[in-house]
């Protein structure tokens, strides 16, 4: 191989390396930006692990192979390189002619090959490649907390507003203490802000907990209002009774009734806290001491009635908010209801024979109890009907009906067995053997055998003939 052959091969090899490097760098740079974009999209949208995204490295061999094929296809042939070197070295076309025909002695007149340098201005390409590498590494090494999409808020605004309105209602009505109600309202506000659609169970359980607290508080308030209404109704009934009885009431009975009324007023004032709103302090003190005039009795009755109305209004609001059963409101309306005028008549007639407290219980129906083992005083007396006379009382004679002859006529013989019955010990008796039988002589339970079952029954009772 001559020096010119080596020079031509060397130039072609350097050109091939340059073309392959340039094409590889261009292709990999484009792929790096596409891969980096895919990494960011997958990590943000689908929370894909960075290790799974390293599949992009598998494309590098394909890119390099494509760059090699493309570079070799763009490589100039030997004649083209020889023409370049002929011009570069000043051979005057002799080198190019030698590619077509042997030069013979003219080959010795060829000059030495001029050195050839290939310069590539690839600063932009290298910068773009470096930027692509940095972009991919940025997508792979980005912390998960930065790629996680913001959690979608759980739509519980209407539910929290509804519960907040209930809490506000109970706070205004004094059912919930202000501190506890404020804490529940803050809890609801925090739930509305922190509720996440990705984890709705925790938020919904917290809402259910608040709902249970509100409902329980309303139920307890309703039951307490029912008891307060009964006490107010008893005091109101006694005050009305004393007012209607007036001067016709015996002094001893009146004194006892006043003492009972004072005791009832003290309990009602201490437990309900509503009498101060409807009754002036002077009349309230007189009621507690049992020293009331006719006018004071009227004031006290009106005050007790107003207190009952306040409790009824509270129960109505709780019912409208669907926190209590409407049946509980009806019980509150009927609790301790008594006719004051009728109680006054009872005081005049039976005041010297029965205790005033018992008369009040008789009027309000408390003595009969309310049902249940924990409700009512349990002082209900046994009531009897009219006692029957033993004279002229005798048993009524009845003839028992005869056996069902019609069923016996419909019965039919299925089969006869010549064998002796088996003798064994009897088992335990069981109930229900005579269920459906008619009372009377000879009655028995005879089941009806349908025609389609008769063949099976006959075959069951059939016996082989004796030999």
Protein backbone atom coordinates (compact mmCIF):
# COMPACT_ATOMS: atom_id res chain seq x y z
CA UNK A 1 0.00 0.00 0.00
CA UNK A 2 1.42 3.33 -1.06
CA UNK A 3 1.55 6.46 1.06
CA UNK A 4 -1.32 7.92 -0.94
CA UNK A 5 -3.46 4.87 -0.28
CA UNK A 6 -2.82 5.25 3.43
CA UNK A 7 -3.60 8.97 3.28
CA UNK A 8 -6.90 8.37 1.46
CA UNK A 9 -7.93 5.62 3.95
CA UNK A 10 -6.94 7.78 6.89
CA UNK A 11 -8.99 10.73 5.66
CA UNK A 12 -12.02 8.55 5.01
CA UNK A 13 -11.74 6.98 8.47
CA UNK A 14 -11.53 10.37 10.15
CA UNK A 15 -14.49 11.60 8.11
CA UNK A 16 -16.54 8.52 9.11
CA UNK A 17 -15.73 9.07 12.79
CA UNK A 18 -16.67 12.73 12.52
CA UNK A 19 -19.99 11.99 10.80
CA UNK A 20 -20.89 9.23 13.25
CA UNK A 21 -20.03 11.45 16.26
CA UNK A 22 -22.01 14.41 14.92
CA UNK A 23 -25.10 12.34 14.07
CA UNK A 24 -24.94 10.45 17.38
CA UNK A 25 -24.69 13.66 19.36
CA UNK A 26 -27.60 15.23 17.48
CA UNK A 27 -29.84 12.18 17.85
CA UNK A 28 -29.06 11.62 21.54
CA UNK A 29 -29.62 15.31 22.29
CA UNK A 30 -33.10 15.23 20.79
CA UNK A 31 -33.88 12.00 22.63
CA UNK A 32 -32.66 13.41 25.96
CA UNK A 33 -35.11 16.30 25.78
CA UNK A 34 -37.98 13.99 24.79
CA UNK A 35 -37.06 11.54 27.56
CA UNK A 36 -36.75 14.29 30.17
CA UNK A 37 -40.17 15.65 29.24
CA UNK A 38 -41.68 12.17 29.54
CA UNK A 39 -40.03 11.73 32.95
CA UNK A 40 -41.59 14.92 34.33
CA UNK A 41 -45.02 14.11 32.91
CA UNK A 42 -45.05 10.56 34.29
CA UNK A 43 -43.74 11.56 37.71
CA UNK A 44 -46.19 14.42 38.16
CA UNK A 45 -49.28 12.85 36.60
CA UNK A 46 -48.87 9.20 37.65
CA UNK A 47 -46.31 9.32 40.49
CA UNK A 48 -44.05 6.87 38.60
CA UNK A 49 -40.90 5.72 40.37
CA UNK A 50 -37.62 7.12 38.93
CA UNK A 51 -36.19 3.60 38.70
CA UNK A 52 -38.91 2.61 36.27
CA UNK A 53 -38.12 5.63 34.10
CA UNK A 54 -34.56 4.44 33.38
CA UNK A 55 -35.99 2.55 30.42
CA UNK A 56 -34.95 5.55 28.33
CA UNK A 57 -31.37 4.27 28.44
CA UNK A 58 -32.43 1.35 26.26
CA UNK A 59 -32.84 3.74 23.32
CA UNK A 60 -29.14 4.73 23.29
CA UNK A 61 -27.88 1.64 21.39
CA UNK A 62 -30.57 2.15 18.77
CA UNK A 63 -29.61 5.80 18.40
CA UNK A 64 -25.93 4.99 18.07
CA UNK A 65 -26.62 2.27 15.52
CA UNK A 66 -28.75 4.63 13.48
CA UNK A 67 -26.05 7.31 13.64
CA UNK A 68 -23.43 4.82 12.39
CA UNK A 69 -25.57 3.76 9.44
CA UNK A 70 -26.45 7.33 8.56
CA UNK A 71 -22.78 8.46 8.86
CA UNK A 72 -21.49 5.66 6.63
CA UNK A 73 -24.11 6.48 4.00
CA UNK A 74 -22.99 10.12 3.98
CA UNK A 75 -19.26 9.22 3.80
CA UNK A 76 -17.58 10.34 0.48
CA UNK A 77 -16.24 7.55 -1.73
CA UNK A 78 -12.53 6.95 -2.47
CA UNK A 79 -12.61 8.96 -5.68
CA UNK A 80 -14.02 11.98 -3.95
CA UNK A 81 -11.37 11.86 -1.22
CA UNK A 82 -8.64 11.37 -3.86
CA UNK A 83 -9.85 14.47 -5.76
CA UNK A 84 -9.72 16.45 -2.51
CA UNK A 85 -6.20 15.31 -1.72
CA UNK A 86 -5.07 15.93 -5.33
CA UNK A 87 -6.19 19.55 -5.06
CA UNK A 88 -4.84 19.89 -1.51
CA UNK A 89 -1.38 18.47 -2.35
CA UNK A 90 -0.98 20.13 -5.81
CA UNK A 91 -0.77 16.92 -7.78
CA UNK A 92 -2.26 18.53 -10.90
CA UNK A 93 -4.79 15.76 -11.42
CA UNK A 94 -2.15 13.06 -11.49
CA UNK A 95 -3.49 11.40 -8.28
CA UNK A 96 -7.02 11.46 -9.60
CA UNK A 97 -5.83 9.93 -12.93
CA UNK A 98 -4.03 7.24 -10.99
CA UNK A 99 -7.39 6.18 -9.57
CA UNK A 100 -8.51 5.39 -13.13
CA UNK A 101 -5.30 4.02 -14.74
CA UNK A 102 -1.96 2.80 -13.45
CA UNK A 103 0.61 5.66 -13.49
CA UNK A 104 3.71 3.57 -13.94
CA UNK A 105 6.83 5.78 -13.80
CA UNK A 106 4.63 8.86 -13.28
CA UNK A 107 3.81 7.63 -9.80
CA UNK A 108 7.31 8.59 -8.68
CA UNK A 109 6.62 12.22 -9.61
CA UNK A 110 3.71 12.49 -7.09
CA UNK A 111 4.50 14.81 -4.15
CA UNK A 112 4.12 13.85 -0.51
CA UNK A 113 0.51 13.93 0.78
CA UNK A 114 -0.31 17.21 2.47
CA UNK A 115 -1.53 16.92 6.05
CA UNK A 116 -5.33 17.16 6.40
CA UNK A 117 -7.04 18.44 9.54
CA UNK A 118 -10.80 18.12 10.20
CA UNK A 119 -12.18 20.83 12.43
CA UNK A 120 -15.66 20.67 13.86
CA UNK A 121 -17.36 23.69 15.34
CA UNK A 122 -19.61 21.74 17.69
CA UNK A 123 -19.85 24.09 20.66
CA UNK A 124 -23.62 24.49 20.21
CA UNK A 125 -24.13 20.77 19.76
CA UNK A 126 -22.11 19.98 22.90
CA UNK A 127 -23.99 22.63 24.89
CA UNK A 128 -27.32 21.22 23.75
CA UNK A 129 -26.19 17.70 24.66
CA UNK A 130 -25.08 18.84 28.12
CA UNK A 131 -28.39 20.61 28.66
CA UNK A 132 -30.25 17.43 27.70
CA UNK A 133 -28.24 15.37 30.21
CA UNK A 134 -28.93 17.92 32.96
CA UNK A 135 -32.63 17.95 32.05
CA UNK A 136 -32.89 14.16 32.38
CA UNK A 137 -30.99 14.10 35.66
CA UNK A 138 -33.20 16.88 36.99
CA UNK A 139 -36.33 14.86 36.21
CA UNK A 140 -34.92 11.69 37.75
CA UNK A 141 -33.50 13.26 40.91
CA UNK A 142 -36.40 15.62 41.63
CA UNK A 143 -37.83 14.88 45.15
CA UNK A 144 -41.19 13.12 45.28
CA UNK A 145 -42.75 15.89 47.39
CA UNK A 146 -42.17 18.33 44.51
CA UNK A 147 -43.55 16.02 41.83
CA UNK A 148 -46.66 15.03 43.81
CA UNK A 149 -49.75 16.74 42.45
CA UNK A 150 -51.65 18.87 44.95
CA UNK A 151 -54.34 16.75 46.66
CA UNK A 152 -57.86 17.35 45.50
CA UNK A 153 -60.03 18.86 48.18
CA UNK A 154 -63.02 16.88 49.45
CA UNK A 155 -66.30 18.68 48.86
CA UNK A 156 -67.76 18.76 52.38
CA UNK A 157 -68.60 22.46 52.51
CA UNK A 158 -72.37 21.95 52.70
CA UNK A 159 -72.07 19.30 55.40
CA UNK A 160 -69.75 21.42 57.55
CA UNK A 161 -72.05 24.43 57.15
CA UNK A 162 -75.03 22.35 58.23
CA UNK A 163 -73.22 21.05 61.30
CA UNK A 164 -71.92 24.53 62.11
CA UNK A 165 -75.50 25.84 62.03
CA UNK A 166 -76.59 23.08 64.43
CA UNK A 167 -73.70 23.84 66.79
CA UNK A 168 -74.58 27.54 66.69
CA UNK A 169 -78.23 26.73 67.48
CA UNK A 170 -77.28 24.60 70.48
CA UNK A 171 -74.90 27.32 71.68
CA UNK A 172 -77.57 30.02 71.47
CA UNK A 173 -80.10 27.82 73.28
CA UNK A 174 -77.63 27.02 76.05
CA UNK A 175 -77.52 23.31 75.24
CA UNK A 176 -73.78 23.42 74.55
CA UNK A 177 -71.32 25.44 76.59
CA UNK A 178 -69.67 28.29 74.74
CA UNK A 179 -66.16 26.83 75.01
CA UNK A 180 -67.26 23.43 73.74
CA UNK A 181 -69.31 24.94 70.91
CA UNK A 182 -66.39 27.16 69.85
CA UNK A 183 -64.09 24.14 69.83
CA UNK A 184 -66.52 22.21 67.61
CA UNK A 185 -66.83 25.16 65.22
CA UNK A 186 -63.05 25.42 64.94
CA UNK A 187 -62.90 21.69 64.32
CA UNK A 188 -65.41 22.01 61.48
CA UNK A 189 -63.48 24.89 59.92
CA UNK A 190 -60.29 22.87 60.05
CA UNK A 191 -62.03 19.88 58.50
CA UNK A 192 -63.32 22.01 55.62
CA UNK A 193 -59.75 23.20 54.93
CA UNK A 194 -57.88 19.93 55.37
CA UNK A 195 -60.37 17.50 53.79
CA UNK A 196 -58.66 15.62 50.97
CA UNK A 197 -60.30 13.60 48.23
CA UNK A 198 -57.47 11.06 48.31
CA UNK A 199 -58.32 10.09 51.92
CA UNK A 200 -62.02 10.85 52.51
CA UNK A 201 -62.56 8.25 55.24
CA UNK A 202 -60.79 10.25 57.95
CA UNK A 203 -62.73 13.42 57.16
CA UNK A 204 -66.09 11.63 56.98
CA UNK A 205 -65.44 9.87 60.29
CA UNK A 206 -64.67 13.23 61.89
CA UNK A 207 -67.94 14.65 60.54
CA UNK A 208 -69.85 11.65 61.89
CA UNK A 209 -68.22 12.18 65.28
CA UNK A 210 -69.33 15.81 65.38
CA UNK A 211 -72.84 14.78 64.25
CA UNK A 212 -73.01 12.21 67.06
CA UNK A 213 -71.91 14.78 69.63
CA UNK A 214 -74.52 17.27 68.46
CA UNK A 215 -77.30 14.67 68.35
CA UNK A 216 -76.42 13.30 71.78
CA UNK A 217 -76.37 16.79 73.29
CA UNK A 218 -79.76 17.55 71.72
CA UNK A 219 -81.23 14.26 72.99
CA UNK A 220 -79.98 14.92 76.51
CA UNK A 221 -81.35 18.47 76.38
CA UNK A 222 -84.73 17.18 75.19
CA UNK A 223 -84.95 14.60 77.97
CA UNK A 224 -83.96 17.24 80.52
CA UNK A 225 -86.58 19.61 79.08
CA UNK A 226 -89.18 16.87 79.44
CA UNK A 227 -88.37 16.45 83.13
CA UNK A 228 -88.34 20.23 83.69
CA UNK A 229 -91.71 20.55 81.95
CA UNK A 230 -93.21 17.96 84.31
CA UNK A 231 -91.96 19.85 87.37
CA UNK A 232 -93.21 23.18 86.01
CA UNK A 233 -96.55 21.61 85.13
CA UNK A 234 -97.00 20.24 88.66
CA UNK A 235 -96.23 23.64 90.20
CA UNK A 236 -98.51 25.37 87.69
CA UNK A 237 -101.35 22.94 88.40
CA UNK A 238 -101.05 23.43 92.15
CA UNK A 239 -100.90 27.22 91.77
CA UNK A 240 -103.99 27.12 89.55
CA UNK A 241 -105.73 24.82 92.03
CA UNK A 242 -105.02 27.14 94.97
CA UNK A 243 -106.21 30.12 92.96
CA UNK A 244 -109.50 28.40 92.02
CA UNK A 245 -110.04 27.00 95.52
CA UNK A 246 -109.69 30.43 97.01
CA UNK A 247 -111.18 31.01 100.46
CA UNK A 248 -113.19 27.76 100.41
CA UNK A 249 -110.04 25.79 101.16
CA UNK A 250 -109.41 24.71 104.75
CA UNK A 251 -106.57 26.48 106.50
CA UNK A 252 -104.69 23.27 107.19
CA UNK A 253 -105.03 22.09 103.60
CA UNK A 254 -104.06 25.51 102.30
CA UNK A 255 -100.98 25.58 104.52
CA UNK A 256 -99.95 22.12 103.33
CA UNK A 257 -100.61 23.09 99.70
CA UNK A 258 -98.55 26.27 100.08
CA UNK A 259 -95.67 24.28 101.54
CA UNK A 260 -95.90 21.77 98.69
CA UNK A 261 -96.02 24.62 96.17
CA UNK A 262 -92.99 26.26 97.74
CA UNK A 263 -91.07 23.00 97.48
CA UNK A 264 -92.10 22.57 93.83
CA UNK A 265 -91.14 26.17 93.02
CA UNK A 266 -87.73 25.71 94.63
CA UNK A 267 -87.05 22.59 92.57
CA UNK A 268 -88.32 24.20 89.38
CA UNK A 269 -86.28 27.35 89.92
CA UNK A 270 -83.13 25.40 90.74
CA UNK A 271 -83.37 22.92 87.85
CA UNK A 272 -84.86 25.02 85.06
CA UNK A 273 -83.49 28.49 85.75
CA UNK A 274 -86.41 29.96 83.78
CA UNK A 275 -88.58 31.49 86.53
CA UNK A 276 -86.27 34.51 86.93
CA UNK A 277 -87.10 35.42 83.33
CA UNK A 278 -90.89 35.52 83.83
CA UNK A 279 -91.29 36.30 87.53
CA UNK A 280 -90.07 39.21 89.61
CA UNK A 281 -87.74 38.49 92.48
CA UNK A 282 -90.18 39.52 95.21
CA UNK A 283 -92.91 37.13 94.06
CA UNK A 284 -90.33 34.35 93.55
CA UNK A 285 -89.07 34.72 97.13
CA UNK A 286 -92.63 34.74 98.42
CA UNK A 287 -93.34 31.55 96.45
CA UNK A 288 -90.29 29.84 97.93
CA UNK A 289 -91.46 30.81 101.43
CA UNK A 290 -95.03 29.65 100.78
CA UNK A 291 -96.58 33.10 101.34
CA UNK A 292 -98.54 33.98 98.22
CA UNK A 293 -101.65 36.05 97.75
CA UNK A 294 -104.27 35.43 95.07
CA UNK A 295 -102.56 37.93 92.78
CA UNK A 296 -99.20 36.31 93.42
CA UNK A 297 -100.66 32.90 92.59
CA UNK A 298 -101.84 34.24 89.25
CA UNK A 299 -98.38 35.74 88.56
CA UNK A 300 -96.73 32.47 89.50
CA UNK A 301 -99.06 30.44 87.28
CA UNK A 302 -98.38 32.76 84.34
CA UNK A 303 -94.63 32.57 84.96
CA UNK A 304 -94.73 28.79 85.09
CA UNK A 305 -96.74 28.72 81.90
CA UNK A 306 -94.21 31.02 80.19
CA UNK A 307 -91.33 28.82 81.35
CA UNK A 308 -93.11 25.79 79.90
CA UNK A 309 -93.51 27.67 76.62
CA UNK A 310 -89.76 28.39 76.53
CA UNK A 311 -89.02 24.70 76.91
CA UNK A 312 -91.60 23.87 74.25
CA UNK A 313 -89.98 26.39 71.89
CA UNK A 314 -86.60 24.75 72.49
CA UNK A 315 -88.05 21.34 71.71
CA UNK A 316 -89.68 22.73 68.57
CA UNK A 317 -86.35 24.11 67.35
CA UNK A 318 -84.63 20.81 68.01
CA UNK A 319 -87.38 19.00 66.12
CA UNK A 320 -87.12 21.39 63.17
CA UNK A 321 -83.35 20.77 63.10
CA UNK A 322 -84.09 17.01 63.01
CA UNK A 323 -82.13 16.41 66.17
CA UNK A 324 -84.95 14.79 68.14
CA UNK A 325 -87.92 12.58 67.39
CA UNK A 326 -91.26 14.41 66.93
CA UNK A 327 -92.76 11.94 69.38
CA UNK A 328 -90.57 13.43 72.11
CA UNK A 329 -92.11 16.84 71.41
CA UNK A 330 -95.58 15.39 71.83
CA UNK A 331 -94.55 13.88 75.17
CA UNK A 332 -93.30 17.28 76.27
CA UNK A 333 -96.61 18.88 75.35
CA UNK A 334 -98.52 16.30 77.40
CA UNK A 335 -96.09 16.12 80.31
CA UNK A 336 -97.70 16.89 83.65
CA UNK A 337 -100.86 18.22 82.05
CA UNK A 338 -103.51 18.84 84.72
CA UNK A 339 -106.72 20.81 85.05
CA UNK A 340 -106.06 23.42 87.72
CA UNK A 341 -109.73 23.94 88.37
CA UNK A 342 -110.26 20.22 88.85
CA UNK A 343 -107.29 20.07 91.22
CA UNK A 344 -108.86 22.89 93.21
CA UNK A 345 -112.04 20.82 93.59
CA UNK A 346 -109.98 17.85 94.71
CA UNK A 347 -108.24 19.98 97.30
CA UNK A 348 -111.57 21.12 98.69
CA UNK A 349 -113.09 17.64 98.76
CA UNK A 350 -110.16 15.38 99.62
CA UNK A 351 -107.57 17.75 101.00
CA UNK A 352 -108.21 16.68 104.56
CA UNK A 353 -108.18 12.97 103.61
CA UNK A 354 -105.21 12.72 101.25
CA UNK A 355 -101.84 14.35 101.09
CA UNK A 356 -101.59 17.31 98.73
CA UNK A 357 -98.65 15.69 96.95
CA UNK A 358 -100.78 12.60 96.24
CA UNK A 359 -103.58 14.75 94.88
CA UNK A 360 -101.15 16.50 92.56
CA UNK A 361 -99.85 13.14 91.39
CA UNK A 362 -103.40 11.95 90.80
CA UNK A 363 -104.13 15.04 88.72
CA UNK A 364 -100.94 14.94 86.65
CA UNK A 365 -101.10 11.16 86.17
CA UNK A 366 -97.66 10.66 87.68
CA UNK A 367 -98.88 7.97 90.05
CA UNK A 368 -99.71 5.64 87.19
CA UNK A 369 -96.09 5.55 86.07
CA UNK A 370 -94.70 5.92 82.57
CA UNK A 371 -93.58 2.43 81.74
CA UNK A 372 -90.11 0.98 81.88
CA UNK A 373 -88.02 -0.09 84.84
CA UNK A 374 -86.25 3.26 85.19
CA UNK A 375 -89.16 5.62 84.54
CA UNK A 376 -91.94 6.66 86.87
CA UNK A 377 -92.12 6.38 90.65
CA UNK A 378 -93.57 2.87 90.60
CA UNK A 379 -96.32 3.85 93.04
CA UNK A 380 -99.24 2.87 90.84
CA UNK A 381 -101.99 1.10 92.76
CA UNK A 382 -103.57 -2.11 91.57
CA UNK A 383 -106.96 -1.40 90.01
CA UNK A 384 -109.77 -3.96 90.16
CA UNK A 385 -112.91 -4.30 88.12
CA UNK A 386 -116.34 -4.97 89.56
CA UNK A 387 -116.36 -8.07 91.75
CA UNK A 388 -118.66 -10.78 90.38
CA UNK A 389 -121.26 -12.43 92.61
CA UNK A 390 -121.10 -16.17 93.27
CA UNK A 391 -124.90 -16.47 93.27
CA UNK A 392 -126.34 -17.98 90.10
CA UNK A 393 -122.92 -18.70 88.65
CA UNK A 394 -122.58 -22.13 87.05
CA UNK A 395 -120.65 -23.72 84.22
CA UNK A 396 -122.18 -23.70 80.78
CA UNK A 397 -122.61 -27.17 79.39
CA UNK A 398 -121.25 -27.81 75.90
CA UNK A 399 -121.37 -30.97 73.85
CA UNK A 400 -118.07 -31.89 72.31
CA UNK A 401 -118.21 -32.35 68.52
CA UNK A 402 -118.07 -35.95 67.18
CA UNK A 403 -115.18 -37.28 65.19
CA UNK A 404 -114.63 -36.18 61.63
CA UNK A 405 -116.64 -38.93 59.92
CA UNK A 406 -116.16 -37.38 56.53
CA UNK A 407 -112.38 -37.70 56.81
CA UNK A 408 -112.70 -41.33 57.91
CA UNK A 409 -114.86 -42.15 54.90
CA UNK A 410 -112.28 -40.67 52.56
CA UNK A 411 -109.50 -42.79 54.07
CA UNK A 412 -108.33 -45.84 52.16
CA UNK A 413 -106.37 -49.00 52.97
CA UNK A 414 -102.85 -48.82 51.58
CA UNK A 415 -101.67 -52.30 52.55
CA UNK A 416 -101.57 -55.04 55.17
CA UNK A 417 -98.47 -56.56 56.65
CA UNK A 418 -98.51 -60.22 57.79
CA UNK A 419 -95.45 -59.80 59.98
CA UNK A 420 -95.48 -59.16 63.69
CA UNK A 421 -94.82 -55.65 64.85
CA UNK A 422 -91.38 -55.00 66.23
CA UNK A 423 -91.10 -54.96 69.98
CA UNK A 424 -88.66 -52.38 71.28
CA UNK A 425 -88.42 -49.87 74.03
CA UNK A 426 -90.44 -46.74 73.50
CA UNK A 427 -88.64 -43.48 72.97
CA UNK A 428 -89.26 -40.12 74.52
CA UNK A 429 -92.56 -38.55 73.71
CA UNK A 430 -92.64 -35.51 71.47
CA UNK A 431 -95.16 -32.70 71.27
CA UNK A 432 -97.26 -32.03 68.21
CA UNK A 433 -98.56 -35.52 67.64
CA UNK A 434 -102.20 -34.38 67.85
CA UNK A 435 -101.76 -31.02 66.17
CA UNK A 436 -104.67 -30.42 63.78
CA UNK A 437 -106.92 -33.12 65.31
CA UNK A 438 -110.57 -32.25 66.04
CA UNK A 439 -111.78 -32.69 69.62
CA UNK A 440 -114.26 -35.49 70.06
CA UNK A 441 -114.47 -39.27 70.05
CA UNK A 442 -112.52 -41.08 67.36
CA UNK A 443 -111.00 -38.00 65.80
CA UNK A 444 -107.58 -38.43 64.25
CA UNK A 445 -105.24 -36.54 61.98
CA UNK A 446 -105.49 -38.23 58.58
CA UNK A 447 -103.22 -36.72 55.96
CA UNK A 448 -104.49 -36.74 52.40
CA UNK A 449 -102.31 -38.68 49.93
CA UNK A 450 -102.26 -37.17 46.48
CA UNK A 451 -102.82 -39.51 43.50
CA UNK A 452 -99.30 -39.02 42.18
CA UNK A 453 -97.87 -40.21 45.51
CA UNK A 454 -100.05 -43.29 46.02
CA UNK A 455 -97.87 -45.61 43.93
CA UNK A 456 -94.78 -44.78 45.95
CA UNK A 457 -96.62 -45.32 49.23
CA UNK A 458 -98.05 -48.66 48.08
CA UNK A 459 -94.61 -49.89 47.04
CA UNK A 460 -93.22 -48.85 50.39
CA UNK A 461 -95.77 -50.90 52.33
CA UNK A 462 -95.67 -53.88 49.96
CA UNK A 463 -94.43 -57.17 51.56
CA UNK A 464 -93.07 -60.21 49.70
CA UNK A 465 -95.30 -63.35 49.99
CA UNK A 466 -94.29 -65.91 52.60
CA UNK A 467 -92.72 -69.10 51.30
